[in-house]
Amino acid sequence: MKHPVDVHVGKRIRHRRWMVGMTQQQLAEKVGIKFQQIQKYETGMNRVSASRLWDISEALSVPVSYVFEGMDRADVAEDVAQTENAPPGDILSDKEALELVRSYYAIPENQRRRLFELARVLSDTAA
């Protein structure tokens, strides 16, 4: 069974990797491992050792503490009590949502505002 801390750390690694636009293969090469191992870390299937966590944080240009942000003991206790099939609480843990946000901010500001208004109108008509 996956430990909630390992799952959280894996999600934070994946999130940062997506934010910097890096593939699993690229991260694996920087760290000196196979991409399958990155997959296992990101899903929480395998625990990340301290030295490997150090290497990953260096490759992603974040402090080691980054992967633990947003987690506290109460969250871990709650996660242990919940089933593994619970829906994700962080919308940006979804790759498609993250890509959408990244693309959105790549649009010039005046066009971005117009797109935002269009999305608001479309969501109001769908409700």
N, C-alpha and C. Protein backbone atom coordinates (compact mmCIF):
# COMPACT_ATOMS: atom_id res chain seq x y z
N MET A 1 0.84 -1.18 0.00
CA MET A 1 0.00 0.00 0.00
C MET A 1 0.89 1.25 0.00
N LYS A 2 0.49 2.24 -0.75
CA LYS A 2 1.25 3.48 -0.84
C LYS A 2 1.08 4.28 0.45
N HIS A 3 2.17 4.88 0.90
CA HIS A 3 2.09 5.76 2.06
C HIS A 3 1.74 7.16 1.58
N PRO A 4 0.85 7.86 2.28
CA PRO A 4 0.42 9.19 1.85
C PRO A 4 1.57 10.19 1.68
N VAL A 5 2.61 10.07 2.47
CA VAL A 5 3.76 10.98 2.31
C VAL A 5 4.44 10.72 0.98
N ASP A 6 4.62 9.45 0.62
CA ASP A 6 5.25 9.11 -0.66
C ASP A 6 4.41 9.59 -1.83
N VAL A 7 3.10 9.48 -1.71
CA VAL A 7 2.19 9.96 -2.76
C VAL A 7 2.30 11.47 -2.89
N HIS A 8 2.31 12.19 -1.77
CA HIS A 8 2.41 13.64 -1.79
C HIS A 8 3.73 14.08 -2.42
N VAL A 9 4.83 13.48 -2.00
CA VAL A 9 6.15 13.82 -2.54
C VAL A 9 6.16 13.57 -4.05
N GLY A 10 5.62 12.44 -4.47
CA GLY A 10 5.57 12.12 -5.90
C GLY A 10 4.76 13.13 -6.70
N LYS A 11 3.62 13.55 -6.14
CA LYS A 11 2.78 14.55 -6.82
C LYS A 11 3.52 15.87 -6.97
N ARG A 12 4.25 16.25 -5.92
CA ARG A 12 5.00 17.51 -5.95
C ARG A 12 6.14 17.45 -6.97
N ILE A 13 6.78 16.29 -7.08
CA ILE A 13 7.84 16.12 -8.09
C ILE A 13 7.23 16.25 -9.47
N ARG A 14 6.12 15.53 -9.70
CA ARG A 14 5.46 15.58 -11.01
C ARG A 14 5.00 16.99 -11.34
N HIS A 15 4.40 17.66 -10.37
CA HIS A 15 3.90 19.01 -10.59
C HIS A 15 5.03 19.96 -10.99
N ARG A 16 6.13 19.90 -10.27
CA ARG A 16 7.26 20.78 -10.59
C ARG A 16 7.85 20.43 -11.95
N ARG A 17 7.95 19.15 -12.24
CA ARG A 17 8.48 18.72 -13.54
C ARG A 17 7.62 19.27 -14.67
N TRP A 18 6.30 19.19 -14.51
CA TRP A 18 5.40 19.75 -15.51
C TRP A 18 5.56 21.26 -15.62
N MET A 19 5.68 21.92 -14.47
CA MET A 19 5.80 23.38 -14.47
C MET A 19 7.03 23.86 -15.23
N VAL A 20 8.11 23.12 -15.16
CA VAL A 20 9.32 23.53 -15.87
C VAL A 20 9.38 22.92 -17.27
N GLY A 21 8.36 22.16 -17.64
CA GLY A 21 8.28 21.61 -18.99
C GLY A 21 9.28 20.49 -19.25
N MET A 22 9.57 19.71 -18.23
CA MET A 22 10.54 18.63 -18.35
C MET A 22 9.82 17.29 -18.44
N THR A 23 10.33 16.40 -19.28
CA THR A 23 9.76 15.05 -19.38
C THR A 23 10.35 14.16 -18.30
N GLN A 24 9.71 13.02 -18.09
CA GLN A 24 10.26 12.05 -17.14
C GLN A 24 11.64 11.58 -17.60
N GLN A 25 11.79 11.41 -18.89
CA GLN A 25 13.08 10.97 -19.44
C GLN A 25 14.17 12.01 -19.16
N GLN A 26 13.86 13.28 -19.37
CA GLN A 26 14.84 14.33 -19.12
C GLN A 26 15.24 14.39 -17.65
N LEU A 27 14.26 14.28 -16.77
CA LEU A 27 14.56 14.31 -15.34
C LEU A 27 15.41 13.09 -14.97
N ALA A 28 15.04 11.94 -15.48
CA ALA A 28 15.78 10.71 -15.19
C ALA A 28 17.24 10.84 -15.63
N GLU A 29 17.46 11.41 -16.80
CA GLU A 29 18.83 11.59 -17.30
C GLU A 29 19.62 12.53 -16.40
N LYS A 30 18.99 13.60 -15.94
CA LYS A 30 19.69 14.54 -15.06
C LYS A 30 20.06 13.90 -13.72
N VAL A 31 19.22 12.97 -13.27
CA VAL A 31 19.43 12.34 -11.98
C VAL A 31 20.28 11.07 -12.10
N GLY A 32 20.34 10.51 -13.32
CA GLY A 32 21.15 9.32 -13.54
C GLY A 32 20.43 8.02 -13.27
N ILE A 33 19.11 8.00 -13.56
CA ILE A 33 18.31 6.80 -13.38
C ILE A 33 17.44 6.58 -14.62
N LYS A 34 16.67 5.53 -14.64
CA LYS A 34 15.75 5.26 -15.75
C LYS A 34 14.42 5.98 -15.51
N PHE A 35 13.75 6.32 -16.61
CA PHE A 35 12.50 7.08 -16.48
C PHE A 35 11.43 6.29 -15.75
N GLN A 36 11.50 4.95 -15.80
CA GLN A 36 10.51 4.13 -15.10
C GLN A 36 10.57 4.38 -13.59
N GLN A 37 11.78 4.66 -13.10
CA GLN A 37 11.92 4.93 -11.68
C GLN A 37 11.25 6.26 -11.33
N ILE A 38 11.37 7.25 -12.22
CA ILE A 38 10.69 8.53 -12.01
C ILE A 38 9.18 8.28 -11.96
N GLN A 39 8.68 7.43 -12.85
CA GLN A 39 7.24 7.09 -12.84
C GLN A 39 6.84 6.52 -11.49
N LYS A 40 7.64 5.63 -10.95
CA LYS A 40 7.32 5.00 -9.67
C LYS A 40 7.36 6.01 -8.53
N TYR A 41 8.32 6.94 -8.59
CA TYR A 41 8.37 7.99 -7.57
C TYR A 41 7.13 8.88 -7.66
N GLU A 42 6.76 9.26 -8.87
CA GLU A 42 5.65 10.20 -9.05
C GLU A 42 4.31 9.60 -8.65
N THR A 43 4.16 8.31 -8.71
CA THR A 43 2.91 7.67 -8.30
C THR A 43 2.92 7.28 -6.83
N GLY A 44 4.07 7.39 -6.19
CA GLY A 44 4.18 7.00 -4.80
C GLY A 44 4.40 5.51 -4.61
N MET A 45 4.59 4.78 -5.70
CA MET A 45 4.83 3.34 -5.60
C MET A 45 6.18 3.06 -4.93
N ASN A 46 7.18 3.88 -5.23
CA ASN A 46 8.50 3.74 -4.62
C ASN A 46 8.81 4.98 -3.80
N ARG A 47 9.44 4.79 -2.68
CA ARG A 47 9.88 5.90 -1.85
C ARG A 47 11.15 6.51 -2.44
N VAL A 48 11.28 7.81 -2.28
CA VAL A 48 12.45 8.52 -2.76
C VAL A 48 13.44 8.61 -1.59
N SER A 49 14.64 8.09 -1.79
CA SER A 49 15.65 8.18 -0.73
C SER A 49 16.10 9.63 -0.58
N ALA A 50 16.73 9.92 0.54
CA ALA A 50 17.19 11.29 0.82
C ALA A 50 18.17 11.78 -0.24
N SER A 51 19.12 10.95 -0.62
CA SER A 51 20.11 11.38 -1.62
C SER A 51 19.46 11.57 -2.99
N ARG A 52 18.51 10.71 -3.33
CA ARG A 52 17.83 10.85 -4.62
C ARG A 52 16.93 12.08 -4.61
N LEU A 53 16.29 12.35 -3.48
CA LEU A 53 15.46 13.54 -3.34
C LEU A 53 16.31 14.79 -3.53
N TRP A 54 17.50 14.76 -2.99
CA TRP A 54 18.44 15.87 -3.15
C TRP A 54 18.75 16.08 -4.64
N ASP A 55 19.06 14.99 -5.35
CA ASP A 55 19.38 15.08 -6.78
C ASP A 55 18.19 15.59 -7.59
N ILE A 56 17.01 15.09 -7.27
CA ILE A 56 15.80 15.51 -7.99
C ILE A 56 15.52 16.99 -7.75
N SER A 57 15.65 17.44 -6.50
CA SER A 57 15.39 18.85 -6.21
C SER A 57 16.40 19.75 -6.92
N GLU A 58 17.64 19.29 -7.02
CA GLU A 58 18.66 20.05 -7.76
C GLU A 58 18.28 20.13 -9.25
N ALA A 59 17.86 19.01 -9.82
CA ALA A 59 17.49 18.96 -11.24
C ALA A 59 16.27 19.83 -11.53
N LEU A 60 15.37 19.97 -10.54
CA LEU A 60 14.15 20.76 -10.73
C LEU A 60 14.29 22.19 -10.21
N SER A 61 15.48 22.53 -9.70
CA SER A 61 15.78 23.88 -9.20
C SER A 61 14.84 24.33 -8.09
N VAL A 62 14.62 23.44 -7.13
CA VAL A 62 13.81 23.77 -5.96
C VAL A 62 14.52 23.23 -4.72
N PRO A 63 14.25 23.81 -3.55
CA PRO A 63 14.80 23.23 -2.33
C PRO A 63 14.11 21.90 -2.03
N VAL A 64 14.77 21.04 -1.29
CA VAL A 64 14.19 19.75 -0.93
C VAL A 64 12.85 19.94 -0.23
N SER A 65 12.74 20.99 0.57
CA SER A 65 11.50 21.24 1.31
C SER A 65 10.29 21.45 0.40
N TYR A 66 10.52 21.80 -0.86
CA TYR A 66 9.43 22.03 -1.82
C TYR A 66 8.48 20.83 -1.89
N VAL A 67 9.04 19.62 -1.88
CA VAL A 67 8.20 18.43 -2.07
C VAL A 67 7.31 18.14 -0.87
N PHE A 68 7.60 18.78 0.26
CA PHE A 68 6.79 18.56 1.46
C PHE A 68 5.80 19.70 1.71
N GLU A 69 5.87 20.75 0.92
CA GLU A 69 4.97 21.89 1.11
C GLU A 69 3.53 21.44 0.94
N GLY A 70 2.66 22.01 1.77
CA GLY A 70 1.24 21.71 1.69
C GLY A 70 0.83 20.44 2.41
N MET A 71 1.76 19.85 3.14
CA MET A 71 1.45 18.61 3.84
C MET A 71 1.73 18.81 5.33
N ASP A 72 0.82 18.33 6.15
CA ASP A 72 1.09 18.33 7.58
C ASP A 72 0.59 17.01 8.16
N ARG A 73 0.85 16.79 9.41
CA ARG A 73 0.52 15.50 10.04
C ARG A 73 -0.98 15.20 9.98
N ALA A 74 -1.80 16.22 10.12
CA ALA A 74 -3.25 16.00 10.06
C ALA A 74 -3.66 15.51 8.67
N ASP A 75 -3.04 16.09 7.62
CA ASP A 75 -3.34 15.66 6.26
C ASP A 75 -2.97 14.19 6.06
N VAL A 76 -1.80 13.80 6.57
CA VAL A 76 -1.35 12.43 6.41
C VAL A 76 -2.30 11.48 7.12
N ALA A 77 -2.71 11.81 8.33
CA ALA A 77 -3.65 10.96 9.07
C ALA A 77 -4.97 10.83 8.32
N GLU A 78 -5.44 11.93 7.76
CA GLU A 78 -6.69 11.91 6.99
C GLU A 78 -6.54 11.07 5.74
N ASP A 79 -5.40 11.20 5.04
CA ASP A 79 -5.16 10.44 3.82
C ASP A 79 -5.12 8.94 4.10
N VAL A 80 -4.54 8.56 5.23
CA VAL A 80 -4.48 7.16 5.59
C VAL A 80 -5.89 6.61 5.77
N ALA A 81 -6.78 7.42 6.32
CA ALA A 81 -8.15 6.98 6.58
C ALA A 81 -8.99 6.90 5.31
N GLN A 82 -8.64 7.67 4.30
CA GLN A 82 -9.42 7.68 3.06
C GLN A 82 -9.03 6.53 2.15
N THR A 83 -9.90 6.23 1.20
CA THR A 83 -9.57 5.21 0.21
C THR A 83 -8.64 5.80 -0.84
N GLU A 84 -7.96 4.93 -1.56
CA GLU A 84 -7.03 5.39 -2.59
C GLU A 84 -7.75 5.97 -3.80
N ASN A 85 -9.04 5.68 -3.96
CA ASN A 85 -9.78 6.14 -5.13
C ASN A 85 -10.44 7.49 -4.93
N ALA A 86 -10.06 8.21 -3.89
CA ALA A 86 -10.64 9.53 -3.65
C ALA A 86 -10.22 10.48 -4.76
N PRO A 87 -11.11 11.39 -5.17
CA PRO A 87 -10.74 12.33 -6.23
C PRO A 87 -9.63 13.26 -5.78
N PRO A 88 -8.76 13.72 -6.72
CA PRO A 88 -7.68 14.61 -6.35
C PRO A 88 -8.20 15.94 -5.85
N GLY A 89 -7.58 16.48 -4.80
CA GLY A 89 -8.00 17.75 -4.25
C GLY A 89 -7.35 18.93 -4.96
N ASP A 90 -6.26 18.69 -5.66
CA ASP A 90 -5.53 19.75 -6.32
C ASP A 90 -5.77 19.67 -7.82
N ILE A 91 -6.46 20.64 -8.38
CA ILE A 91 -6.78 20.62 -9.80
C ILE A 91 -5.52 20.59 -10.66
N LEU A 92 -4.44 21.20 -10.16
CA LEU A 92 -3.21 21.24 -10.94
C LEU A 92 -2.43 19.93 -10.87
N SER A 93 -2.96 18.93 -10.19
CA SER A 93 -2.32 17.62 -10.22
C SER A 93 -2.70 16.90 -11.51
N ASP A 94 -3.67 17.44 -12.24
CA ASP A 94 -4.09 16.89 -13.52
C ASP A 94 -3.23 17.49 -14.62
N LYS A 95 -2.57 16.65 -15.41
CA LYS A 95 -1.65 17.12 -16.44
C LYS A 95 -2.34 18.03 -17.46
N GLU A 96 -3.55 17.68 -17.87
CA GLU A 96 -4.28 18.48 -18.85
C GLU A 96 -4.58 19.87 -18.30
N ALA A 97 -4.99 19.95 -17.04
CA ALA A 97 -5.27 21.25 -16.43
C ALA A 97 -4.02 22.10 -16.34
N LEU A 98 -2.92 21.48 -15.99
CA LEU A 98 -1.66 22.21 -15.90
C LEU A 98 -1.21 22.72 -17.26
N GLU A 99 -1.35 21.89 -18.29
CA GLU A 99 -1.00 22.32 -19.64
C GLU A 99 -1.90 23.47 -20.09
N LEU A 100 -3.17 23.41 -19.72
CA LEU A 100 -4.10 24.48 -20.06
C LEU A 100 -3.68 25.79 -19.41
N VAL A 101 -3.31 25.74 -18.13
CA VAL A 101 -2.88 26.95 -17.43
C VAL A 101 -1.60 27.49 -18.05
N ARG A 102 -0.65 26.61 -18.34
CA ARG A 102 0.61 27.05 -18.97
C ARG A 102 0.33 27.72 -20.32
N SER A 103 -0.53 27.12 -21.12
CA SER A 103 -0.87 27.69 -22.43
C SER A 103 -1.60 29.02 -22.28
N TYR A 104 -2.49 29.08 -21.30
CA TYR A 104 -3.25 30.30 -21.05
C TYR A 104 -2.32 31.48 -20.78
N TYR A 105 -1.32 31.27 -19.93
CA TYR A 105 -0.42 32.37 -19.59
C TYR A 105 0.59 32.67 -20.69
N ALA A 106 0.66 31.83 -21.70
CA ALA A 106 1.53 32.12 -22.85
C ALA A 106 0.84 33.06 -23.84
N ILE A 107 -0.46 33.26 -23.69
CA ILE A 107 -1.23 34.15 -24.57
C ILE A 107 -1.02 35.59 -24.12
N PRO A 108 -0.88 36.53 -25.07
CA PRO A 108 -0.74 37.94 -24.69
C PRO A 108 -1.92 38.39 -23.82
N GLU A 109 -1.64 39.32 -22.91
CA GLU A 109 -2.61 39.69 -21.87
C GLU A 109 -3.97 40.14 -22.41
N ASN A 110 -3.99 40.98 -23.43
CA ASN A 110 -5.28 41.47 -23.95
C ASN A 110 -6.11 40.32 -24.54
N GLN A 111 -5.46 39.41 -25.23
CA GLN A 111 -6.17 38.25 -25.77
C GLN A 111 -6.58 37.29 -24.65
N ARG A 112 -5.74 37.20 -23.63
CA ARG A 112 -6.04 36.33 -22.50
C ARG A 112 -7.31 36.79 -21.79
N ARG A 113 -7.47 38.09 -21.62
CA ARG A 113 -8.69 38.62 -20.98
C ARG A 113 -9.93 38.25 -21.80
N ARG A 114 -9.82 38.39 -23.11
CA ARG A 114 -10.95 38.07 -23.98
C ARG A 114 -11.28 36.57 -23.90
N LEU A 115 -10.24 35.73 -23.87
CA LEU A 115 -10.45 34.30 -23.75
C LEU A 115 -11.10 33.96 -22.41
N PHE A 116 -10.69 34.63 -21.37
CA PHE A 116 -11.27 34.41 -20.04
C PHE A 116 -12.75 34.75 -20.05
N GLU A 117 -13.10 35.87 -20.65
CA GLU A 117 -14.52 36.26 -20.72
C GLU A 117 -15.32 35.25 -21.53
N LEU A 118 -14.74 34.76 -22.63
CA LEU A 118 -15.41 33.74 -23.44
C LEU A 118 -15.64 32.47 -22.60
N ALA A 119 -14.63 32.04 -21.87
CA ALA A 119 -14.77 30.84 -21.03
C ALA A 119 -15.84 31.05 -19.97
N ARG A 120 -15.90 32.25 -19.40
CA ARG A 120 -16.90 32.54 -18.38
C ARG A 120 -18.30 32.44 -18.98
N VAL A 121 -18.51 33.01 -20.16
CA VAL A 121 -19.81 32.97 -20.83
C VAL A 121 -20.18 31.53 -21.15
N LEU A 122 -19.23 30.77 -21.69
CA LEU A 122 -19.51 29.38 -22.05
C LEU A 122 -19.85 28.54 -20.81
N SER A 123 -19.16 28.76 -19.72
CA SER A 123 -19.45 27.99 -18.50
C SER A 123 -20.81 28.37 -17.92
N ASP A 124 -21.21 29.65 -18.06
CA ASP A 124 -22.52 30.07 -17.58
C ASP A 124 -23.64 29.43 -18.40
N THR A 125 -23.44 29.28 -19.71
CA THR A 125 -24.48 28.68 -20.55
C THR A 125 -24.54 27.18 -20.35
N ALA A 126 -23.43 26.55 -19.92
CA ALA A 126 -23.42 25.11 -19.71
C ALA A 126 -24.11 24.73 -18.41
N ALA A 127 -24.22 25.67 -17.47
CA ALA A 127 -24.78 25.36 -16.16
C ALA A 127 -26.28 25.31 -16.15
